[in-house]
Protein backbone atom coordinates (compact mmCIF):
# COMPACT_ATOMS: atom_id res chain seq x y z
CA UNK A 1 0.00 0.00 0.00
CA UNK A 2 1.35 3.43 -0.91
CA UNK A 3 0.94 6.59 1.19
CA UNK A 4 -1.58 7.84 -1.36
CA UNK A 5 -3.81 4.90 -0.40
CA UNK A 6 -3.88 6.03 3.23
CA UNK A 7 -6.16 9.05 2.76
CA UNK A 8 -9.19 10.22 0.77
CA UNK A 9 -9.69 13.97 0.59
CA UNK A 10 -13.26 15.27 0.77
CA UNK A 11 -13.33 18.02 -1.86
CA UNK A 12 -17.15 17.93 -2.04
CA UNK A 13 -17.65 18.85 1.61
CA UNK A 14 -18.26 22.59 0.99
CA UNK A 15 -21.21 21.78 -1.28
CA UNK A 16 -22.69 19.49 1.39
CA UNK A 17 -22.19 21.47 4.58
CA UNK A 18 -20.62 24.81 3.63
CA UNK A 19 -17.31 23.99 5.35
CA UNK A 20 -14.11 22.68 3.84
CA UNK A 21 -12.24 19.68 5.16
CA UNK A 22 -9.30 20.57 7.40
CA UNK A 23 -6.26 18.35 7.76
CA UNK A 24 -5.57 17.36 11.37
CA UNK A 25 -1.79 17.01 11.30
CA UNK A 26 -1.28 15.47 14.74
CA UNK A 27 -0.67 11.75 14.35
CA UNK A 28 0.28 12.10 10.69
CA UNK A 29 3.86 11.80 9.48
CA UNK A 30 5.54 14.50 7.43
CA UNK A 31 5.51 12.07 4.50
CA UNK A 32 1.74 11.59 4.80
CA UNK A 33 1.18 15.35 4.95
CA UNK A 34 3.42 15.86 1.92
CA UNK A 35 1.33 13.32 0.00
CA UNK A 36 -1.89 15.08 1.05
CA UNK A 37 -0.49 18.42 -0.11
CA UNK A 38 0.58 16.84 -3.42
CA UNK A 39 -3.01 15.69 -3.93
CA UNK A 40 -4.34 19.16 -3.14
CA UNK A 41 -1.81 20.83 -5.43
CA UNK A 42 -2.81 18.51 -8.28
CA UNK A 43 -6.33 19.96 -8.07
CA UNK A 44 -5.07 23.50 -7.42
CA UNK A 45 -6.92 23.28 -4.09
CA UNK A 46 -6.21 25.11 -0.86
CA UNK A 47 -6.12 23.39 2.52
CA UNK A 48 -6.18 24.35 6.17
CA UNK A 49 -3.97 22.24 8.41
CA UNK A 50 -4.39 22.19 12.19
CA UNK A 51 -2.12 20.94 14.97
CA UNK A 52 0.96 21.10 12.75
CA UNK A 53 3.87 21.42 15.17
CA UNK A 54 7.01 23.36 14.17
CA UNK A 55 9.23 20.26 13.85
CA UNK A 56 6.77 18.57 11.50
CA UNK A 57 6.36 21.77 9.51
CA UNK A 58 10.14 21.98 9.12
CA UNK A 59 10.21 18.37 7.87
CA UNK A 60 7.83 19.03 4.98
CA UNK A 61 9.12 19.29 1.42
CA UNK A 62 10.60 22.70 0.64
CA UNK A 63 8.19 23.19 -2.26
CA UNK A 64 5.26 22.74 0.12
CA UNK A 65 6.68 25.03 2.80
CA UNK A 66 7.02 27.73 0.16
CA UNK A 67 3.26 27.61 -0.40
CA UNK A 68 2.34 27.55 3.29
CA UNK A 69 1.36 30.42 5.56
CA UNK A 70 2.38 28.94 8.92
CA UNK A 71 1.64 30.13 12.46
CA UNK A 72 3.66 28.37 15.16
CA UNK A 73 1.52 29.82 17.97
CA UNK A 74 -1.72 28.27 16.73
CA UNK A 75 0.02 25.40 14.92
CA UNK A 76 -2.08 26.11 11.84
CA UNK A 77 -1.02 26.27 8.21
CA UNK A 78 -2.81 27.60 5.13
CA UNK A 79 -1.70 25.85 1.97
CA UNK A 80 -2.27 27.26 -1.49
CA UNK A 81 -3.93 30.48 -2.56
CA UNK A 82 -4.90 32.97 0.14
CA UNK A 83 -8.44 34.23 0.61
CA UNK A 84 -8.98 37.93 1.16
CA UNK A 85 -10.38 38.68 4.60
CA UNK A 86 -13.13 41.16 3.87
CA UNK A 87 -16.03 42.95 5.51
CA UNK A 88 -16.62 44.04 9.10
CA UNK A 89 -15.62 41.71 11.91
CA UNK A 90 -18.86 40.13 13.12
CA UNK A 91 -17.08 37.52 15.23
CA UNK A 92 -15.19 38.45 18.39
CA UNK A 93 -12.69 36.07 19.96
CA UNK A 94 -12.24 36.63 23.68
CA UNK A 95 -9.26 35.00 25.43
CA UNK A 96 -9.13 34.90 29.23
CA UNK A 97 -5.34 34.90 29.50
CA UNK A 98 -2.21 35.02 27.40
CA UNK A 99 -1.88 31.25 27.91
CA UNK A 100 -5.19 30.82 26.04
CA UNK A 101 -3.87 32.62 22.95
CA UNK A 102 -2.90 29.45 21.01
CA UNK A 103 -6.52 28.25 21.09
CA UNK A 104 -7.84 31.73 20.28
CA UNK A 105 -5.41 32.04 17.38
CA UNK A 106 -6.52 28.66 16.03
CA UNK A 107 -10.07 30.02 15.88
CA UNK A 108 -8.90 33.30 14.36
CA UNK A 109 -6.83 31.57 11.67
CA UNK A 110 -9.65 29.16 10.81
CA UNK A 111 -11.95 32.13 10.21
CA UNK A 112 -9.29 33.97 8.20
CA UNK A 113 -8.80 30.90 6.01
CA UNK A 114 -12.50 31.16 5.13
CA UNK A 115 -12.15 34.89 4.42
CA UNK A 116 -14.06 35.90 7.57
CA UNK A 117 -12.81 38.82 9.64
CA UNK A 118 -12.68 38.60 13.44
CA UNK A 119 -11.45 40.68 16.36
CA UNK A 120 -9.27 39.19 19.08
CA UNK A 121 -9.62 40.47 22.64
CA UNK A 122 -6.70 39.08 24.62
CA UNK A 123 -6.03 38.81 28.36
CA UNK A 124 -9.45 39.92 29.62
CA UNK A 125 -9.97 37.20 32.23
CA UNK A 126 -11.98 37.64 35.41
CA UNK A 127 -8.92 37.69 37.70
CA UNK A 128 -8.66 41.35 36.66
CA UNK A 129 -12.27 42.13 35.86
CA UNK A 130 -11.48 45.72 34.86
CA UNK A 131 -9.66 44.38 31.80
CA UNK A 132 -12.96 42.92 30.58
CA UNK A 133 -15.25 45.79 31.53
CA UNK A 134 -13.12 48.42 29.80
CA UNK A 135 -13.56 46.55 26.49
CA UNK A 136 -17.15 45.45 26.99
CA UNK A 137 -18.65 47.90 24.49
CA UNK A 138 -16.22 46.67 21.80
CA UNK A 139 -17.03 43.05 22.60
CA UNK A 140 -20.80 43.70 22.50
CA UNK A 141 -20.45 45.04 18.95
CA UNK A 142 -19.87 41.49 17.67
CA UNK A 143 -23.03 39.37 17.16
CA UNK A 144 -21.04 36.13 17.61
CA UNK A 145 -18.42 35.57 20.30
CA UNK A 146 -15.92 32.78 20.83
CA UNK A 147 -14.69 32.79 24.44
CA UNK A 148 -11.63 30.74 25.39
CA UNK A 149 -10.78 30.13 29.05
CA UNK A 150 -9.02 27.57 31.19
CA UNK A 151 -8.66 27.03 34.96
CA UNK A 152 -12.18 27.57 36.36
CA UNK A 153 -13.43 28.93 33.00
CA UNK A 154 -15.44 31.68 34.66
CA UNK A 155 -15.12 34.04 31.70
CA UNK A 156 -17.78 32.49 29.41
CA UNK A 157 -20.36 32.67 32.22
CA UNK A 158 -19.49 36.29 33.01
CA UNK A 159 -19.56 37.34 29.36
CA UNK A 160 -22.77 35.33 28.87
CA UNK A 161 -24.40 37.37 31.62
CA UNK A 162 -23.36 40.70 30.10
CA UNK A 163 -23.90 40.44 26.34
CA UNK A 164 -26.68 39.30 24.01
CA UNK A 165 -24.32 37.87 21.36
CA UNK A 166 -24.37 34.21 20.43
CA UNK A 167 -21.61 32.69 22.52
CA UNK A 168 -19.38 29.69 21.82
CA UNK A 169 -17.20 28.71 24.75
CA UNK A 170 -13.89 26.89 24.39
CA UNK A 171 -12.52 25.32 27.59
CA UNK A 172 -8.74 25.23 27.44
CA UNK A 173 -6.24 22.91 29.08
CA UNK A 174 -4.59 25.81 30.93
CA UNK A 175 -4.32 25.34 34.70
CA UNK A 176 -2.73 23.49 37.60
CA UNK A 177 -3.59 20.21 39.31
CA UNK A 178 -7.34 19.80 39.58
CA UNK A 179 -7.79 21.73 36.33
CA UNK A 180 -7.17 18.23 34.89
CA UNK A 181 -6.07 19.34 31.45
CA UNK A 182 -9.24 21.34 30.83
CA UNK A 183 -11.83 18.93 32.21
CA UNK A 184 -12.66 21.26 35.11
CA UNK A 185 -13.12 24.14 32.64
CA UNK A 186 -15.36 21.98 30.45
CA UNK A 187 -17.52 20.91 33.39
CA UNK A 188 -17.77 24.50 34.64
CA UNK A 189 -19.04 25.76 31.29
CA UNK A 190 -21.50 22.88 30.95
CA UNK A 191 -22.81 23.78 34.42
CA UNK A 192 -22.93 27.53 33.68
CA UNK A 193 -25.92 29.48 34.96
CA UNK A 194 -25.67 31.85 31.97
CA UNK A 195 -28.30 30.51 29.54
CA UNK A 196 -27.68 29.69 25.91
CA UNK A 197 -23.92 29.11 25.94
CA UNK A 198 -22.66 26.63 23.38
CA UNK A 199 -19.51 24.69 24.28
CA UNK A 200 -17.01 22.79 22.15
CA UNK A 201 -14.33 20.33 23.18
CA UNK A 202 -11.21 21.22 25.16
CA UNK A 203 -8.74 23.39 23.19
CA UNK A 204 -10.91 23.10 20.06
CA UNK A 205 -10.51 26.57 18.59
CA UNK A 206 -11.03 25.10 15.13
CA UNK A 207 -14.39 23.61 16.14
CA UNK A 208 -15.51 26.89 17.71
CA UNK A 209 -14.70 28.75 14.49
CA UNK A 210 -16.64 26.17 12.46
CA UNK A 211 -19.65 26.63 14.74
CA UNK A 212 -19.44 30.39 14.20
CA UNK A 213 -19.23 29.87 10.44
CA UNK A 214 -22.35 27.68 10.52
CA UNK A 215 -24.21 30.43 12.38
CA UNK A 216 -23.10 33.04 9.84
CA UNK A 217 -24.29 30.76 7.05
CA UNK A 218 -27.66 30.30 8.77
CA UNK A 219 -27.99 34.06 9.22
CA UNK A 220 -27.36 34.61 5.49
CA UNK A 221 -30.04 32.05 4.60
CA UNK A 222 -32.54 33.76 6.91
CA UNK A 223 -31.66 37.19 5.55
CA UNK A 224 -32.15 35.95 2.01
CA UNK A 225 -35.56 34.52 2.91
CA UNK A 226 -34.63 31.06 1.68
CA UNK A 227 -36.43 29.28 4.53
C-alpha cells in the first residue's frame, strides 16, 4: 500500500455542509502530509492544516513550505492560494489569559482561512475584571463571540451574563492540578448558569470557528428569505 492509499480527501464537503475539510496534522507523518499536499496541489486546491507542530512543519518538502502560511503559535497552516479577509468583523474572539492565545489564534486563523474577519480580545480574564469591563462595548459590537478560558473557565459565564451575542465557549487545558487538562473548565461551562452558551471540546478553537461559520451561514439564509 502506498501513502496515497492512506487518505481520501473530501473536496465535495463545501457543497454538502458549507465547510471545507481541514487536515488534522497530529498523528500524521511529514511524509503523509506531503502526500496530502501533493493531492491538493494537483487539483489547485487550498487546505487548512491544524495541529501542525514546528518540527513537522520543518520536515515538509521545501516546495510545500514555500506555499504555506504557517503560524507556530496556533500550529495552523494555510496551503495554497490565500483568501482575502473582507467585511466588518462580526465575530469576536475573547481570550481569558495570554496562555489561552494558542486556542484563540486557532479560531482566528480558521476564520481567516474562510475569508471571515474577526477581532481578538486578549487577556481579559476575570482575575482582573477591569480588563474585561473596559472593552465590553467593543465586545458587545460582535453578534457572535468565541470565548476561550481555562482554569475555572469563569469568563464564558461572566460574558454570557453581560452580552446578548451568540456565545461559543472553548474550555482550554490551561491550569494546575485539579484543572485536569481542561476537564474542570469543560464541566464549569456545561454547568454555567448563563443561559444559551454553546460549548465545544477542550482546546478546540477550530471547532468553535466552524460553529461560528455555521451560524453566519444560517444568518445569510434567513436574511435571504430562503427558509
